[in-house]
Structures are given as structure tokens and as C-alpha cells.
PDB file of N, CA and C in Angstrom:
ATOM      1  N   MET A   1      87.084  -0.205  35.568  1.00  0.00           N
ATOM      2  CA  MET A   1      85.747  -0.196  34.873  1.00  0.00           C
ATOM      3  C   MET A   1      84.712  -0.625  35.766  1.00  0.00           C
ATOM      4  N   TRP A   2      84.963  -1.418  36.796  1.00  0.00           N
ATOM      5  CA  TRP A   2      84.018  -1.869  37.804  1.00  0.00           C
ATOM      6  C   TRP A   2      84.608  -1.776  39.188  1.00  0.00           C
ATOM      7  N   PRO A   3      85.140  -0.614  39.539  1.00  0.00           N
ATOM      8  CA  PRO A   3      85.886  -0.511  40.761  1.00  0.00           C
ATOM      9  C   PRO A   3      85.205  -0.936  42.027  1.00  0.00           C
ATOM     10  N   GLU A   4      83.832  -0.860  42.057  1.00  0.00           N
ATOM     11  CA  GLU A   4      83.096  -1.255  43.201  1.00  0.00           C
ATOM     12  C   GLU A   4      82.856  -2.693  43.259  1.00  0.00           C
ATOM     13  N   LYS A   5      83.290  -3.421  42.223  1.00  0.00           N
ATOM     14  CA  LYS A   5      82.899  -4.895  42.154  1.00  0.00           C
ATOM     15  C   LYS A   5      84.061  -5.748  42.694  1.00  0.00           C
ATOM     16  N   ASP A   6      83.826  -6.896  43.197  1.00  0.00           N
ATOM     17  CA  ASP A   6      84.847  -7.844  43.674  1.00  0.00           C
ATOM     18  C   ASP A   6      85.519  -8.365  42.419  1.00  0.00           C
ATOM     19  N   ILE A   7      86.820  -8.779  42.582  1.00  0.00           N
ATOM     20  CA  ILE A   7      87.664  -9.351  41.505  1.00  0.00           C
ATOM     21  C   ILE A   7      86.907 -10.452  40.662  1.00  0.00           C
ATOM     22  N   GLU A   8      86.206 -11.310  41.422  1.00  0.00           N
ATOM     23  CA  GLU A   8      85.539 -12.472  40.765  1.00  0.00           C
ATOM     24  C   GLU A   8      84.449 -12.018  39.695  1.00  0.00           C
ATOM     25  N   TYR A   9      84.056 -10.664  39.858  1.00  0.00           N
ATOM     26  CA  TYR A   9      83.066 -10.289  38.914  1.00  0.00           C
ATOM     27  C   TYR A   9      83.647 -10.006  37.562  1.00  0.00           C
ATOM     28  N   ILE A  10      84.851  -9.642  37.459  1.00  0.00           N
ATOM     29  CA  ILE A  10      85.569  -9.314  36.189  1.00  0.00           C
ATOM     30  C   ILE A  10      86.275 -10.396  35.564  1.00  0.00           C
ATOM     31  N   LYS A  11      86.414 -11.625  36.275  1.00  0.00           N
ATOM     32  CA  LYS A  11      87.105 -12.788  35.717  1.00  0.00           C
ATOM     33  C   LYS A  11      86.116 -13.426  34.603  1.00  0.00           C
ATOM     34  N   LEU A  12      86.782 -13.855  33.527  1.00  0.00           N
ATOM     35  CA  LEU A  12      86.116 -14.547  32.575  1.00  0.00           C
ATOM     36  C   LEU A  12      86.549 -15.970  32.526  1.00  0.00           C
ATOM     37  N   LYS A  13      85.554 -16.891  32.089  1.00  0.00           N
ATOM     38  CA  LYS A  13      85.925 -18.326  32.148  1.00  0.00           C
ATOM     39  C   LYS A  13      87.109 -18.585  31.264  1.00  0.00           C
ATOM     40  N   ASP A  14      87.321 -17.836  30.211  1.00  0.00           N
ATOM     41  CA  ASP A  14      88.412 -18.009  29.297  1.00  0.00           C
ATOM     42  C   ASP A  14      89.527 -17.125  29.343  1.00  0.00           C
ATOM     43  N   ASP A  15      89.706 -16.420  30.549  1.00  0.00           N
ATOM     44  CA  ASP A  15      90.819 -15.512  30.744  1.00  0.00           C
ATOM     45  C   ASP A  15      92.127 -16.104  30.464  1.00  0.00           C
ATOM     46  N   GLU A  16      92.347 -17.379  30.695  1.00  0.00           N
ATOM     47  CA  GLU A  16      93.739 -17.927  30.393  1.00  0.00           C
ATOM     48  C   GLU A  16      94.035 -18.065  28.919  1.00  0.00           C
ATOM     49  N   LEU A  17      92.968 -17.875  28.033  1.00  0.00           N
ATOM     50  CA  LEU A  17      93.154 -17.917  26.641  1.00  0.00           C
ATOM     51  C   LEU A  17      93.504 -16.570  25.984  1.00  0.00           C
ATOM     52  N   GLY A  18      93.364 -15.530  26.788  1.00  0.00           N
ATOM     53  CA  GLY A  18      93.593 -14.196  26.296  1.00  0.00           C
ATOM     54  C   GLY A  18      94.949 -13.751  26.406  1.00  0.00           C
ATOM     55  N   LYS A  19      95.321 -12.607  25.724  1.00  0.00           N
ATOM     56  CA  LYS A  19      96.549 -12.024  25.997  1.00  0.00           C
ATOM     57  C   LYS A  19      96.222 -10.576  26.683  1.00  0.00           C
ATOM     58  N   HIS A  20      96.840 -10.466  27.806  1.00  0.00           N
ATOM     59  CA  HIS A  20      96.552  -9.386  28.638  1.00  0.00           C
ATOM     60  C   HIS A  20      97.660  -8.273  28.639  1.00  0.00           C
ATOM     61  N   PHE A  21      97.336  -6.993  28.440  1.00  0.00           N
ATOM     62  CA  PHE A  21      98.287  -5.910  28.297  1.00  0.00           C
ATOM     63  C   PHE A  21      97.998  -4.814  29.342  1.00  0.00           C
ATOM     64  N   GLY A  22      99.016  -4.190  29.711  1.00  0.00           N
ATOM     65  CA  GLY A  22      98.871  -3.137  30.666  1.00  0.00           C
ATOM     66  C   GLY A  22      99.839  -2.014  30.397  1.00  0.00           C
ATOM     67  N   LEU A  23      99.410  -0.762  30.705  1.00  0.00           N
ATOM     68  CA  LEU A  23     100.180   0.304  30.461  1.00  0.00           C
ATOM     69  C   LEU A  23     100.633   0.840  31.854  1.00  0.00           C
ATOM     70  N   PHE A  24     101.942   1.007  32.133  1.00  0.00           N
ATOM     71  CA  PHE A  24     102.478   1.501  33.245  1.00  0.00           C
ATOM     72  C   PHE A  24     103.042   2.786  33.249  1.00  0.00           C
ATOM     73  N   VAL A  25     102.824   3.610  34.354  1.00  0.00           N
ATOM     74  CA  VAL A  25     103.398   4.939  34.433  1.00  0.00           C
ATOM     75  C   VAL A  25     104.140   4.929  35.747  1.00  0.00           C
ATOM     76  N   ASN A  26     105.527   5.269  35.825  1.00  0.00           N
ATOM     77  CA  ASN A  26     106.215   5.238  37.030  1.00  0.00           C
ATOM     78  C   ASN A  26     105.970   3.932  37.887  1.00  0.00           C
ATOM     79  N   HIS A  27     105.993   2.841  37.082  1.00  0.00           N
ATOM     80  CA  HIS A  27     105.853   1.530  37.718  1.00  0.00           C
ATOM     81  C   HIS A  27     104.432   1.269  38.314  1.00  0.00           C
ATOM     82  N   ASP A  28     103.422   2.031  37.889  1.00  0.00           N
ATOM     83  CA  ASP A  28     102.103   1.949  38.380  1.00  0.00           C
ATOM     84  C   ASP A  28     101.217   1.473  37.246  1.00  0.00           C
ATOM     85  N   LEU A  29     100.479   0.412  37.306  1.00  0.00           N
ATOM     86  CA  LEU A  29      99.587  -0.064  36.244  1.00  0.00           C
ATOM     87  C   LEU A  29      98.424   0.815  36.231  1.00  0.00           C
ATOM     88  N   ILE A  30      98.188   1.530  35.085  1.00  0.00           N
ATOM     89  CA  ILE A  30      97.104   2.435  35.123  1.00  0.00           C
ATOM     90  C   ILE A  30      95.968   2.181  34.037  1.00  0.00           C
ATOM     91  N   SER A  31      96.392   1.333  32.992  1.00  0.00           N
ATOM     92  CA  SER A  31      95.400   1.010  32.057  1.00  0.00           C
ATOM     93  C   SER A  31      95.595  -0.475  31.572  1.00  0.00           C
ATOM     94  N   VAL A  32      94.534  -1.199  31.361  1.00  0.00           N
ATOM     95  CA  VAL A  32      94.591  -2.595  30.953  1.00  0.00           C
ATOM     96  C   VAL A  32      93.647  -2.924  29.826  1.00  0.00           C
ATOM     97  N   ILE A  33      93.864  -3.945  29.076  1.00  0.00           N
ATOM     98  CA  ILE A  33      93.085  -4.465  28.040  1.00  0.00           C
ATOM     99  C   ILE A  33      93.455  -6.026  27.786  1.00  0.00           C
ATOM    100  N   SER A  34      92.421  -6.755  27.548  1.00  0.00           N
ATOM    101  CA  SER A  34      92.624  -8.225  27.249  1.00  0.00           C
ATOM    102  C   SER A  34      92.064  -8.514  25.861  1.00  0.00           C
ATOM    103  N   LEU A  35      92.917  -9.281  25.056  1.00  0.00           N
ATOM    104  CA  LEU A  35      92.590  -9.644  23.730  1.00  0.00           C
ATOM    105  C   LEU A  35      92.293 -11.127  23.671  1.00  0.00           C
ATOM    106  N   PHE A  36      91.271 -11.433  22.849  1.00  0.00           N
ATOM    107  CA  PHE A  36      90.852 -12.830  22.609  1.00  0.00           C
ATOM    108  C   PHE A  36      90.717 -13.049  21.128  1.00  0.00           C
ATOM    109  N   GLU A  37      91.518 -13.938  20.625  1.00  0.00           N
ATOM    110  CA  GLU A  37      91.670 -14.150  19.118  1.00  0.00           C
ATOM    111  C   GLU A  37      91.074 -15.445  18.748  1.00  0.00           C
ATOM    112  N   LYS A  38      90.328 -15.514  17.663  1.00  0.00           N
ATOM    113  CA  LYS A  38      89.756 -16.680  17.044  1.00  0.00           C
ATOM    114  C   LYS A  38      89.695 -16.465  15.544  1.00  0.00           C
ATOM    115  N   ASN A  39      90.348 -17.339  14.822  1.00  0.00           N
ATOM    116  CA  ASN A  39      90.400 -17.197  13.245  1.00  0.00           C
ATOM    117  C   ASN A  39      90.735 -15.856  12.868  1.00  0.00           C
ATOM    118  N   ASN A  40      91.719 -15.238  13.371  1.00  0.00           N
ATOM    119  CA  ASN A  40      92.315 -13.869  12.998  1.00  0.00           C
ATOM    120  C   ASN A  40      91.285 -12.765  13.264  1.00  0.00           C
ATOM    121  N   VAL A  41      90.272 -13.128  14.049  1.00  0.00           N
ATOM    122  CA  VAL A  41      89.305 -11.969  14.564  1.00  0.00           C
ATOM    123  C   VAL A  41      89.593 -11.800  16.024  1.00  0.00           C
ATOM    124  N   VAL A  42      89.842 -10.549  16.400  1.00  0.00           N
ATOM    125  CA  VAL A  42      90.204 -10.271  17.790  1.00  0.00           C
ATOM    126  C   VAL A  42      89.090  -9.397  18.546  1.00  0.00           C
ATOM    127  N   GLN A  43      88.777 -10.017  19.691  1.00  0.00           N
ATOM    128  CA  GLN A  43      87.789  -9.321  20.529  1.00  0.00           C
ATOM    129  C   GLN A  43      88.563  -8.762  21.669  1.00  0.00           C
ATOM    130  N   PHE A  44      88.387  -7.511  22.021  1.00  0.00           N
ATOM    131  CA  PHE A  44      89.023  -7.025  23.263  1.00  0.00           C
ATOM    132  C   PHE A  44      87.943  -6.752  24.335  1.00  0.00           C
ATOM    133  N   ARG A  45      88.376  -7.118  25.519  1.00  0.00           N
ATOM    134  CA  ARG A  45      87.485  -6.990  26.600  1.00  0.00           C
ATOM    135  C   ARG A  45      88.203  -6.475  27.773  1.00  0.00           C
ATOM    136  N   LYS A  46      87.493  -6.065  28.796  1.00  0.00           N
ATOM    137  CA  LYS A  46      88.114  -5.451  29.982  1.00  0.00           C
ATOM    138  C   LYS A  46      89.126  -4.394  29.804  1.00  0.00           C
ATOM    139  N   PHE A  47      88.824  -3.471  28.984  1.00  0.00           N
ATOM    140  CA  PHE A  47      89.539  -2.292  28.612  1.00  0.00           C
ATOM    141  C   PHE A  47      89.216  -1.276  29.716  1.00  0.00           C
ATOM    142  N   ALA A  48      90.168  -0.818  30.566  1.00  0.00           N
ATOM    143  CA  ALA A  48      89.881   0.175  31.514  1.00  0.00           C
ATOM    144  C   ALA A  48      91.089   0.942  31.865  1.00  0.00           C
ATOM    145  N   THR A  49      90.933   2.169  32.280  1.00  0.00           N
ATOM    146  CA  THR A  49      91.896   3.054  32.831  1.00  0.00           C
ATOM    147  C   THR A  49      91.571   3.530  34.193  1.00  0.00           C
ATOM    148  N   LEU A  50      92.409   3.687  35.096  1.00  0.00           N
ATOM    149  CA  LEU A  50      92.022   4.215  36.415  1.00  0.00           C
ATOM    150  C   LEU A  50      91.203   5.397  36.175  1.00  0.00           C
ATOM    151  N   GLN A  51      90.133   5.552  36.969  1.00  0.00           N
ATOM    152  CA  GLN A  51      89.132   6.446  36.747  1.00  0.00           C
ATOM    153  C   GLN A  51      89.815   8.049  36.856  1.00  0.00           C
ATOM    154  N   GLU A  52      90.607   8.120  37.826  1.00  0.00           N
ATOM    155  CA  GLU A  52      91.304   9.451  38.024  1.00  0.00           C
ATOM    156  C   GLU A  52      92.178   9.850  36.876  1.00  0.00           C
ATOM    157  N   LEU A  53      92.653   8.904  35.986  1.00  0.00           N
ATOM    158  CA  LEU A  53      93.530   9.210  34.981  1.00  0.00           C
ATOM    159  C   LEU A  53      92.807   9.147  33.668  1.00  0.00           C
ATOM    160  N   GLN A  54      91.488   8.899  33.516  1.00  0.00           N
ATOM    161  CA  GLN A  54      90.782   8.920  32.311  1.00  0.00           C
ATOM    162  C   GLN A  54      90.813  10.241  31.657  1.00  0.00           C
ATOM    163  N   GLY A  55      90.771  10.293  30.366  1.00  0.00           N
ATOM    164  CA  GLY A  55      90.740  11.474  29.596  1.00  0.00           C
ATOM    165  C   GLY A  55      92.154  12.157  29.387  1.00  0.00           C
ATOM    166  N   LYS A  56      93.142  11.453  29.670  1.00  0.00           N
ATOM    167  CA  LYS A  56      94.526  12.010  29.688  1.00  0.00           C
ATOM    168  C   LYS A  56      95.262  11.284  28.481  1.00  0.00           C
ATOM    169  N   GLY A  57      94.625  10.364  27.729  1.00  0.00           N
ATOM    170  CA  GLY A  57      95.232   9.747  26.619  1.00  0.00           C
ATOM    171  C   GLY A  57      95.863   8.433  26.893  1.00  0.00           C
ATOM    172  N   TYR A  58      95.904   7.963  28.085  1.00  0.00           N
ATOM    173  CA  TYR A  58      96.598   6.663  28.379  1.00  0.00           C
ATOM    174  C   TYR A  58      95.794   5.568  27.654  1.00  0.00           C
ATOM    175  N   GLY A  59      94.546   5.425  27.725  1.00  0.00           N
ATOM    176  CA  GLY A  59      93.824   4.447  27.058  1.00  0.00           C
ATOM    177  C   GLY A  59      93.956   4.377  25.634  1.00  0.00           C
ATOM    178  N   SER A  60      94.020   5.587  24.924  1.00  0.00           N
ATOM    179  CA  SER A  60      94.256   5.809  23.579  1.00  0.00           C
ATOM    180  C   SER A  60      95.613   5.223  23.125  1.00  0.00           C
ATOM    181  N   VAL A  61      96.672   5.463  24.007  1.00  0.00           N
ATOM    182  CA  VAL A  61      97.987   4.873  23.687  1.00  0.00           C
ATOM    183  C   VAL A  61      97.965   3.334  23.682  1.00  0.00           C
ATOM    184  N   LEU A  62      97.304   2.802  24.761  1.00  0.00           N
ATOM    185  CA  LEU A  62      97.262   1.349  24.826  1.00  0.00           C
ATOM    186  C   LEU A  62      96.332   0.709  23.744  1.00  0.00           C
ATOM    187  N   LEU A  63      95.211   1.289  23.410  1.00  0.00           N
ATOM    188  CA  LEU A  63      94.407   0.769  22.358  1.00  0.00           C
ATOM    189  C   LEU A  63      95.101   0.825  21.039  1.00  0.00           C
ATOM    190  N   ASP A  64      95.744   1.897  20.730  1.00  0.00           N
ATOM    191  CA  ASP A  64      96.582   2.020  19.456  1.00  0.00           C
ATOM    192  C   ASP A  64      97.624   1.133  19.400  1.00  0.00           C
ATOM    193  N   TYR A  65      98.262   0.840  20.525  1.00  0.00           N
ATOM    194  CA  TYR A  65      99.340  -0.212  20.471  1.00  0.00           C
ATOM    195  C   TYR A  65      98.832  -1.627  20.198  1.00  0.00           C
ATOM    196  N   VAL A  66      97.757  -2.029  20.866  1.00  0.00           N
ATOM    197  CA  VAL A  66      97.244  -3.396  20.705  1.00  0.00           C
ATOM    198  C   VAL A  66      96.674  -3.555  19.260  1.00  0.00           C
ATOM    199  N   LEU A  67      96.054  -2.527  18.672  1.00  0.00           N
ATOM    200  CA  LEU A  67      95.514  -2.569  17.318  1.00  0.00           C
ATOM    201  C   LEU A  67      96.623  -2.862  16.376  1.00  0.00           C
ATOM    202  N   LYS A  68      97.741  -2.091  16.484  1.00  0.00           N
ATOM    203  CA  LYS A  68      98.927  -2.234  15.595  1.00  0.00           C
ATOM    204  C   LYS A  68      99.518  -3.666  15.714  1.00  0.00           C
ATOM    205  N   GLU A  69      99.653  -4.148  17.000  1.00  0.00           N
ATOM    206  CA  GLU A  69     100.192  -5.414  17.266  1.00  0.00           C
ATOM    207  C   GLU A  69      99.382  -6.543  16.626  1.00  0.00           C
ATOM    208  N   ALA A  70      98.035  -6.436  16.813  1.00  0.00           N
ATOM    209  CA  ALA A  70      97.062  -7.442  16.260  1.00  0.00           C
ATOM    210  C   ALA A  70      97.157  -7.486  14.715  1.00  0.00           C
ATOM    211  N   GLU A  71      97.322  -6.297  14.178  1.00  0.00           N
ATOM    212  CA  GLU A  71      97.367  -6.290  12.703  1.00  0.00           C
ATOM    213  C   GLU A  71      98.629  -6.947  12.225  1.00  0.00           C
ATOM    214  N   LYS A  72      99.747  -6.564  12.855  1.00  0.00           N
ATOM    215  CA  LYS A  72     101.059  -7.114  12.537  1.00  0.00           C
ATOM    216  C   LYS A  72     100.965  -8.694  12.586  1.00  0.00           C
ATOM    217  N   GLN A  73     100.172  -9.205  13.605  1.00  0.00           N
ATOM    218  CA  GLN A  73     100.192 -10.691  13.706  1.00  0.00           C
ATOM    219  C   GLN A  73      99.080 -11.368  12.970  1.00  0.00           C
ATOM    220  N   GLY A  74      98.469 -10.604  11.925  1.00  0.00           N
ATOM    221  CA  GLY A  74      97.549 -11.226  10.950  1.00  0.00           C
ATOM    222  C   GLY A  74      96.100 -11.055  11.300  1.00  0.00           C
ATOM    223  N   ALA A  75      95.679 -10.303  12.282  1.00  0.00           N
ATOM    224  CA  ALA A  75      94.305 -10.054  12.544  1.00  0.00           C
ATOM    225  C   ALA A  75      93.652  -9.397  11.361  1.00  0.00           C
ATOM    226  N   THR A  76      92.376  -9.866  11.055  1.00  0.00           N
ATOM    227  CA  THR A  76      91.656  -9.186  10.005  1.00  0.00           C
ATOM    228  C   THR A  76      90.604  -8.240  10.371  1.00  0.00           C
ATOM    229  N   SER A  77      90.204  -8.425  11.791  1.00  0.00           N
ATOM    230  CA  SER A  77      89.301  -7.389  12.263  1.00  0.00           C
ATOM    231  C   SER A  77      89.410  -7.479  13.778  1.00  0.00           C
ATOM    232  N   PHE A  78      88.771  -6.492  14.398  1.00  0.00           N
ATOM    233  CA  PHE A  78      88.873  -6.236  15.833  1.00  0.00           C
ATOM    234  C   PHE A  78      87.566  -5.836  16.265  1.00  0.00           C
ATOM    235  N   TRP A  79      86.968  -6.297  17.448  1.00  0.00           N
ATOM    236  CA  TRP A  79      85.698  -5.822  17.792  1.00  0.00           C
ATOM    237  C   TRP A  79      85.589  -5.882  19.350  1.00  0.00           C
ATOM    238  N   CYS A  80      84.574  -5.201  19.775  1.00  0.00           N
ATOM    239  CA  CYS A  80      84.278  -5.024  21.218  1.00  0.00           C
ATOM    240  C   CYS A  80      82.756  -4.719  21.417  1.00  0.00           C
ATOM    241  N   ASN A  81      82.418  -4.860  22.686  1.00  0.00           N
ATOM    242  CA  ASN A  81      81.069  -4.446  23.191  1.00  0.00           C
ATOM    243  C   ASN A  81      81.372  -3.089  23.933  1.00  0.00           C
ATOM    244  N   ALA A  82      81.035  -2.012  23.215  1.00  0.00           N
ATOM    245  CA  ALA A  82      81.398  -0.699  23.690  1.00  0.00           C
ATOM    246  C   ALA A  82      80.230  -0.114  24.496  1.00  0.00           C
ATOM    247  N   ARG A  83      80.593   0.493  25.599  1.00  0.00           N
ATOM    248  CA  ARG A  83      79.503   1.288  26.317  1.00  0.00           C
ATOM    249  C   ARG A  83      79.071   2.447  25.388  1.00  0.00           C
ATOM    250  N   VAL A  84      77.778   2.616  25.349  1.00  0.00           N
ATOM    251  CA  VAL A  84      77.213   3.612  24.555  1.00  0.00           C
ATOM    252  C   VAL A  84      77.931   5.043  24.766  1.00  0.00           C
ATOM    253  N   ASN A  85      78.244   5.373  25.904  1.00  0.00           N
ATOM    254  CA  ASN A  85      78.838   6.714  26.080  1.00  0.00           C
ATOM    255  C   ASN A  85      80.261   6.706  25.656  1.00  0.00           C
ATOM    256  N   LYS A  86      80.824   5.686  25.184  1.00  0.00           N
ATOM    257  CA  LYS A  86      82.186   5.644  24.576  1.00  0.00           C
ATOM    258  C   LYS A  86      82.254   5.434  23.071  1.00  0.00           C
ATOM    259  N   ILE A  87      81.135   5.389  22.465  1.00  0.00           N
ATOM    260  CA  ILE A  87      81.092   5.173  20.947  1.00  0.00           C
ATOM    261  C   ILE A  87      82.039   6.211  20.246  1.00  0.00           C
ATOM    262  N   ASP A  88      81.939   7.416  20.522  1.00  0.00           N
ATOM    263  CA  ASP A  88      82.797   8.478  19.860  1.00  0.00           C
ATOM    264  C   ASP A  88      84.347   8.182  20.092  1.00  0.00           C
ATOM    265  N   PHE A  89      84.773   7.651  21.286  1.00  0.00           N
ATOM    266  CA  PHE A  89      86.104   7.272  21.490  1.00  0.00           C
ATOM    267  C   PHE A  89      86.469   6.241  20.491  1.00  0.00           C
ATOM    268  N   TYR A  90      85.752   5.175  20.307  1.00  0.00           N
ATOM    269  CA  TYR A  90      86.127   4.076  19.365  1.00  0.00           C
ATOM    270  C   TYR A  90      86.082   4.563  17.985  1.00  0.00           C
ATOM    271  N   LYS A  91      85.207   5.426  17.593  1.00  0.00           N
ATOM    272  CA  LYS A  91      85.215   5.894  16.265  1.00  0.00           C
ATOM    273  C   LYS A  91      86.415   6.575  15.882  1.00  0.00           C
ATOM    274  N   LYS A  92      87.096   7.247  16.779  1.00  0.00           N
ATOM    275  CA  LYS A  92      88.364   7.870  16.522  1.00  0.00           C
ATOM    276  C   LYS A  92      89.443   6.842  16.074  1.00  0.00           C
ATOM    277  N   PHE A  93      89.258   5.663  16.280  1.00  0.00           N
ATOM    278  CA  PHE A  93      90.185   4.575  15.961  1.00  0.00           C
ATOM    279  C   PHE A  93      89.578   3.815  14.792  1.00  0.00           C
ATOM    280  N   GLY A  94      88.611   4.230  14.087  1.00  0.00           N
ATOM    281  CA  GLY A  94      88.047   3.563  12.888  1.00  0.00           C
ATOM    282  C   GLY A  94      86.999   2.564  13.202  1.00  0.00           C
ATOM    283  N   PHE A  95      86.548   2.366  14.465  1.00  0.00           N
ATOM    284  CA  PHE A  95      85.460   1.515  14.680  1.00  0.00           C
ATOM    285  C   PHE A  95      84.147   2.023  14.198  1.00  0.00           C
ATOM    286  N   GLU A  96      83.193   1.039  13.849  1.00  0.00           N
ATOM    287  CA  GLU A  96      81.915   1.257  13.313  1.00  0.00           C
ATOM    288  C   GLU A  96      80.952   0.550  14.283  1.00  0.00           C
ATOM    289  N   GLU A  97      79.726   1.060  14.536  1.00  0.00           N
ATOM    290  CA  GLU A  97      78.662   0.362  15.177  1.00  0.00           C
ATOM    291  C   GLU A  97      78.206  -0.717  14.296  1.00  0.00           C
ATOM    292  N   ILE A  98      78.056  -1.913  14.749  1.00  0.00           N
ATOM    293  CA  ILE A  98      77.479  -2.948  13.828  1.00  0.00           C
ATOM    294  C   ILE A  98      76.171  -3.551  14.382  1.00  0.00           C
ATOM    295  N   GLU A  99      75.995  -3.480  15.786  1.00  0.00           N
ATOM    296  CA  GLU A  99      74.762  -3.918  16.356  1.00  0.00           C
ATOM    297  C   GLU A  99      74.679  -3.689  17.860  1.00  0.00           C
ATOM    298  N   GLU A 100      73.474  -3.618  18.282  1.00  0.00           N
ATOM    299  CA  GLU A 100      73.324  -3.416  19.687  1.00  0.00           C
ATOM    300  C   GLU A 100      73.727  -4.778  20.403  1.00  0.00           C
ATOM    301  N   ALA A 101      74.507  -4.797  21.417  1.00  0.00           N
ATOM    302  CA  ALA A 101      75.053  -5.973  22.009  1.00  0.00           C
ATOM    303  C   ALA A 101      74.271  -6.505  23.183  1.00  0.00           C
ATOM    304  N   ALA A 102      74.219  -5.667  24.345  1.00  0.00           N
ATOM    305  CA  ALA A 102      73.575  -6.170  25.526  1.00  0.00           C
ATOM    306  C   ALA A 102      73.499  -4.985  26.560  1.00  0.00           C
ATOM    307  N   THR A 103      72.762  -5.305  27.622  1.00  0.00           N
ATOM    308  CA  THR A 103      72.647  -4.476  28.789  1.00  0.00           C
ATOM    309  C   THR A 103      73.173  -5.230  29.955  1.00  0.00           C
ATOM    310  N   LYS A 104      74.097  -4.719  30.632  1.00  0.00           N
ATOM    311  CA  LYS A 104      74.620  -5.303  31.843  1.00  0.00           C
ATOM    312  C   LYS A 104      74.728  -4.326  32.979  1.00  0.00           C
ATOM    313  N   ASP A 105      74.171  -4.665  34.097  1.00  0.00           N
ATOM    314  CA  ASP A 105      74.122  -3.822  35.284  1.00  0.00           C
ATOM    315  C   ASP A 105      73.614  -2.470  34.912  1.00  0.00           C
ATOM    316  N   GLY A 106      72.499  -2.424  34.087  1.00  0.00           N
ATOM    317  CA  GLY A 106      71.898  -1.219  33.745  1.00  0.00           C
ATOM    318  C   GLY A 106      72.606  -0.402  32.733  1.00  0.00           C
ATOM    319  N   MET A 107      73.816  -0.901  32.256  1.00  0.00           N
ATOM    320  CA  MET A 107      74.609  -0.082  31.230  1.00  0.00           C
ATOM    321  C   MET A 107      74.353  -0.754  29.957  1.00  0.00           C
ATOM    322  N   LYS A 108      74.178   0.137  28.893  1.00  0.00           N
ATOM    323  CA  LYS A 108      73.868  -0.299  27.494  1.00  0.00           C
ATOM    324  C   LYS A 108      75.188  -0.316  26.724  1.00  0.00           C
ATOM    325  N   TYR A 109      75.305  -1.397  25.943  1.00  0.00           N
ATOM    326  CA  TYR A 109      76.435  -1.560  25.113  1.00  0.00           C
ATOM    327  C   TYR A 109      76.099  -1.761  23.634  1.00  0.00           C
ATOM    328  N   VAL A 110      77.065  -1.396  22.801  1.00  0.00           N
ATOM    329  CA  VAL A 110      76.882  -1.507  21.360  1.00  0.00           C
ATOM    330  C   VAL A 110      78.106  -2.289  20.804  1.00  0.00           C
ATOM    331  N   LYS A 111      77.914  -3.224  19.942  1.00  0.00           N
ATOM    332  CA  LYS A 111      78.909  -3.911  19.289  1.00  0.00           C
ATOM    333  C   LYS A 111      79.622  -3.093  18.261  1.00  0.00           C
ATOM    334  N   MET A 112      80.877  -2.957  18.219  1.00  0.00           N
ATOM    335  CA  MET A 112      81.662  -2.127  17.283  1.00  0.00           C
ATOM    336  C   MET A 112      82.700  -2.892  16.762  1.00  0.00           C
ATOM    337  N   SER A 113      83.125  -2.629  15.449  1.00  0.00           N
ATOM    338  CA  SER A 113      84.065  -3.429  14.695  1.00  0.00           C
ATOM    339  C   SER A 113      84.978  -2.571  13.908  1.00  0.00           C
ATOM    340  N   LYS A 114      86.252  -3.083  13.708  1.00  0.00           N
ATOM    341  CA  LYS A 114      87.142  -2.360  12.762  1.00  0.00           C
ATOM    342  C   LYS A 114      87.799  -3.479  11.971  1.00  0.00           C
ATOM    343  N   ASN A 115      87.837  -3.244  10.670  1.00  0.00           N
ATOM    344  CA  ASN A 115      88.531  -4.243   9.794  1.00  0.00           C
ATOM    345  C   ASN A 115      89.880  -3.628   9.382  1.00  0.00           C
ATOM    346  N   PHE A 116      90.839  -4.562   9.268  1.00  0.00           N
ATOM    347  CA  PHE A 116      92.210  -4.089   8.800  1.00  0.00           C
ATOM    348  C   PHE A 116      92.302  -4.287   7.356  1.00  0.00           C
TER     349      PHE A 116
END
């Protein structure tokens, strides 16, 4: 998601509180996502697929998996700050735009949510 940035840029102060998932193909990590749960509401952050493998369905497989796992474990809703150019991707999974979130490094984000 930020391949030109240093690893410190993507670290979160609460990373140790998250559950981190990865999708491997032929032993290579190609897609990642981190989940942060509070009171049965799950936020996902740092969702990314290697740039050269985007558009091949790997991110969809990983997102579908974590959505199902979160629901099984009692989550009532799931949300993220989605890049504006990815809104249609999240809508395919039942997410809805609920508010403008922020601008970071010149990129505009929208808060999206899905209830179970």
C-alpha cells in the first residue's frame, strides 16, 4: 500500500493489539490485513496486496475470509477507511459509505461499514 515508505511509516501504536492475517501463494506473502476489535466492532487496517498481483482476486479472498471469521467470532460490524478509488471494491462485500474520513499524503479516504 505504501511501497515507497519506510516500515516505520506503516506501524501503528496499537499493532500488538491487532490480529494480522496474510495470504501466501507458493510460500510468498502477497496480501495482508490487520483487524482491530473493540466491543464486537472490527476495524480493518493495512489491507494491501502486492502491486503487481492486484486485480487477480487475492485481496478478495483474504477480505472474504476475515469477514467470515469475524462474524463467526461474534463481530456485529466491520469498518474501514477506504481509499476513494476502492469504494466499488468494498461495495461488492456489502460495505456502505458512512462518512468522509480523512486525507493522508494527498489521498482521500471514506469511512465504510458493514453490519452482520
